[in-house]
N, C-alpha and C. Protein backbone atom coordinates (compact mmCIF):
# COMPACT_ATOMS: atom_id res chain seq x y z
N MET A 1 0.85 -1.17 0.00
CA MET A 1 0.00 0.00 0.00
C MET A 1 0.89 1.23 0.00
N LEU A 2 0.47 2.23 -0.73
CA LEU A 2 1.20 3.49 -0.78
C LEU A 2 0.66 4.45 0.26
N ASP A 3 1.54 5.24 0.82
CA ASP A 3 1.13 6.29 1.74
C ASP A 3 1.02 7.60 0.98
N VAL A 4 0.40 8.58 1.59
CA VAL A 4 0.28 9.90 0.99
C VAL A 4 1.67 10.43 0.70
N GLY A 5 1.88 10.90 -0.51
CA GLY A 5 3.16 11.44 -0.92
C GLY A 5 4.10 10.44 -1.56
N ASP A 6 3.79 9.13 -1.48
CA ASP A 6 4.61 8.12 -2.14
C ASP A 6 4.46 8.23 -3.65
N GLN A 7 5.51 7.88 -4.39
CA GLN A 7 5.43 7.87 -5.84
C GLN A 7 4.81 6.56 -6.33
N VAL A 8 4.06 6.67 -7.40
CA VAL A 8 3.45 5.50 -8.02
C VAL A 8 4.54 4.70 -8.73
N PRO A 9 4.53 3.37 -8.58
CA PRO A 9 5.53 2.57 -9.31
C PRO A 9 5.36 2.72 -10.81
N ASP A 10 6.46 2.60 -11.52
CA ASP A 10 6.41 2.68 -12.98
C ASP A 10 5.96 1.33 -13.51
N ALA A 11 4.66 1.17 -13.68
CA ALA A 11 4.09 -0.11 -14.10
C ALA A 11 3.08 0.13 -15.21
N THR A 12 2.94 -0.85 -16.08
CA THR A 12 1.94 -0.81 -17.13
C THR A 12 0.84 -1.79 -16.76
N VAL A 13 -0.40 -1.33 -16.81
CA VAL A 13 -1.54 -2.16 -16.42
C VAL A 13 -2.58 -2.14 -17.54
N TRP A 14 -3.51 -3.08 -17.47
CA TRP A 14 -4.62 -3.11 -18.43
C TRP A 14 -5.62 -2.04 -18.04
N PHE A 15 -5.91 -1.14 -18.97
CA PHE A 15 -6.88 -0.06 -18.77
C PHE A 15 -8.26 -0.50 -19.25
N ALA A 16 -8.26 -1.26 -20.31
CA ALA A 16 -9.48 -1.81 -20.91
C ALA A 16 -9.04 -3.03 -21.71
N PRO A 17 -9.97 -3.83 -22.18
CA PRO A 17 -9.56 -4.97 -23.01
C PRO A 17 -8.70 -4.50 -24.18
N ARG A 18 -7.53 -5.13 -24.33
CA ARG A 18 -6.56 -4.82 -25.38
C ARG A 18 -5.98 -3.41 -25.32
N GLU A 19 -6.07 -2.74 -24.17
CA GLU A 19 -5.52 -1.39 -24.03
C GLU A 19 -4.76 -1.27 -22.71
N THR A 20 -3.47 -1.00 -22.80
CA THR A 20 -2.66 -0.82 -21.60
C THR A 20 -2.35 0.66 -21.39
N ILE A 21 -1.95 0.98 -20.16
CA ILE A 21 -1.61 2.35 -19.81
C ILE A 21 -0.58 2.33 -18.69
N SER A 22 0.27 3.32 -18.65
CA SER A 22 1.26 3.46 -17.59
C SER A 22 0.59 4.16 -16.39
N LEU A 23 0.81 3.62 -15.20
CA LEU A 23 0.23 4.25 -14.02
C LEU A 23 0.72 5.69 -13.85
N ARG A 24 1.96 5.93 -14.16
CA ARG A 24 2.50 7.29 -14.03
C ARG A 24 1.81 8.26 -14.99
N ASP A 25 1.40 7.79 -16.17
CA ASP A 25 0.67 8.65 -17.10
C ASP A 25 -0.69 9.03 -16.54
N VAL A 26 -1.31 8.13 -15.81
CA VAL A 26 -2.64 8.39 -15.24
C VAL A 26 -2.58 9.47 -14.16
N VAL A 27 -1.55 9.43 -13.34
CA VAL A 27 -1.47 10.35 -12.19
C VAL A 27 -0.54 11.54 -12.45
N GLU A 28 -0.20 11.76 -13.69
CA GLU A 28 0.77 12.80 -14.02
C GLU A 28 0.38 14.18 -13.48
N ASP A 29 -0.86 14.58 -13.63
CA ASP A 29 -1.28 15.93 -13.25
C ASP A 29 -2.38 15.97 -12.20
N ARG A 30 -2.76 14.82 -11.67
CA ARG A 30 -3.90 14.82 -10.74
C ARG A 30 -3.84 13.61 -9.82
N PRO A 31 -4.49 13.70 -8.69
CA PRO A 31 -4.56 12.52 -7.81
C PRO A 31 -5.48 11.47 -8.42
N ALA A 32 -5.29 10.22 -8.01
CA ALA A 32 -6.10 9.13 -8.54
C ALA A 32 -6.30 8.06 -7.48
N LEU A 33 -7.39 7.34 -7.59
CA LEU A 33 -7.68 6.20 -6.73
C LEU A 33 -7.75 4.98 -7.64
N PHE A 34 -6.97 3.94 -7.30
CA PHE A 34 -6.94 2.72 -8.10
C PHE A 34 -7.55 1.57 -7.33
N LEU A 35 -8.43 0.85 -7.98
CA LEU A 35 -9.03 -0.37 -7.42
C LEU A 35 -8.72 -1.49 -8.38
N PHE A 36 -8.12 -2.56 -7.87
CA PHE A 36 -7.75 -3.70 -8.71
C PHE A 36 -8.57 -4.91 -8.30
N TYR A 37 -9.11 -5.62 -9.26
CA TYR A 37 -9.82 -6.87 -8.99
C TYR A 37 -9.66 -7.81 -10.18
N LEU A 38 -9.80 -9.07 -9.91
CA LEU A 38 -9.55 -10.10 -10.91
C LEU A 38 -10.80 -10.44 -11.70
N PHE A 39 -10.58 -10.94 -12.88
CA PHE A 39 -11.62 -11.58 -13.71
C PHE A 39 -12.73 -10.66 -14.18
N ASP A 40 -12.49 -9.37 -14.27
CA ASP A 40 -13.53 -8.45 -14.73
C ASP A 40 -13.91 -8.72 -16.19
N TRP A 41 -12.91 -8.99 -17.03
CA TRP A 41 -13.17 -9.17 -18.45
C TRP A 41 -13.03 -10.63 -18.88
N SER A 42 -13.13 -11.53 -17.94
CA SER A 42 -13.00 -12.94 -18.29
C SER A 42 -14.33 -13.66 -18.08
N SER A 43 -14.40 -14.85 -18.59
CA SER A 43 -15.65 -15.63 -18.45
C SER A 43 -15.66 -16.47 -17.19
N THR A 44 -14.65 -16.36 -16.34
CA THR A 44 -14.61 -17.17 -15.11
C THR A 44 -15.25 -16.47 -13.95
């Protein structure tokens, strides 16, 4: 877990099916809240 003021790791994540994005690009100019969960786009 990150604390207030911590830097976001330089990671690439799935933004949508077949679309990736860098976490640092998302938070470049604004704060953000990230929620991660499994199997959103899968049939399982």
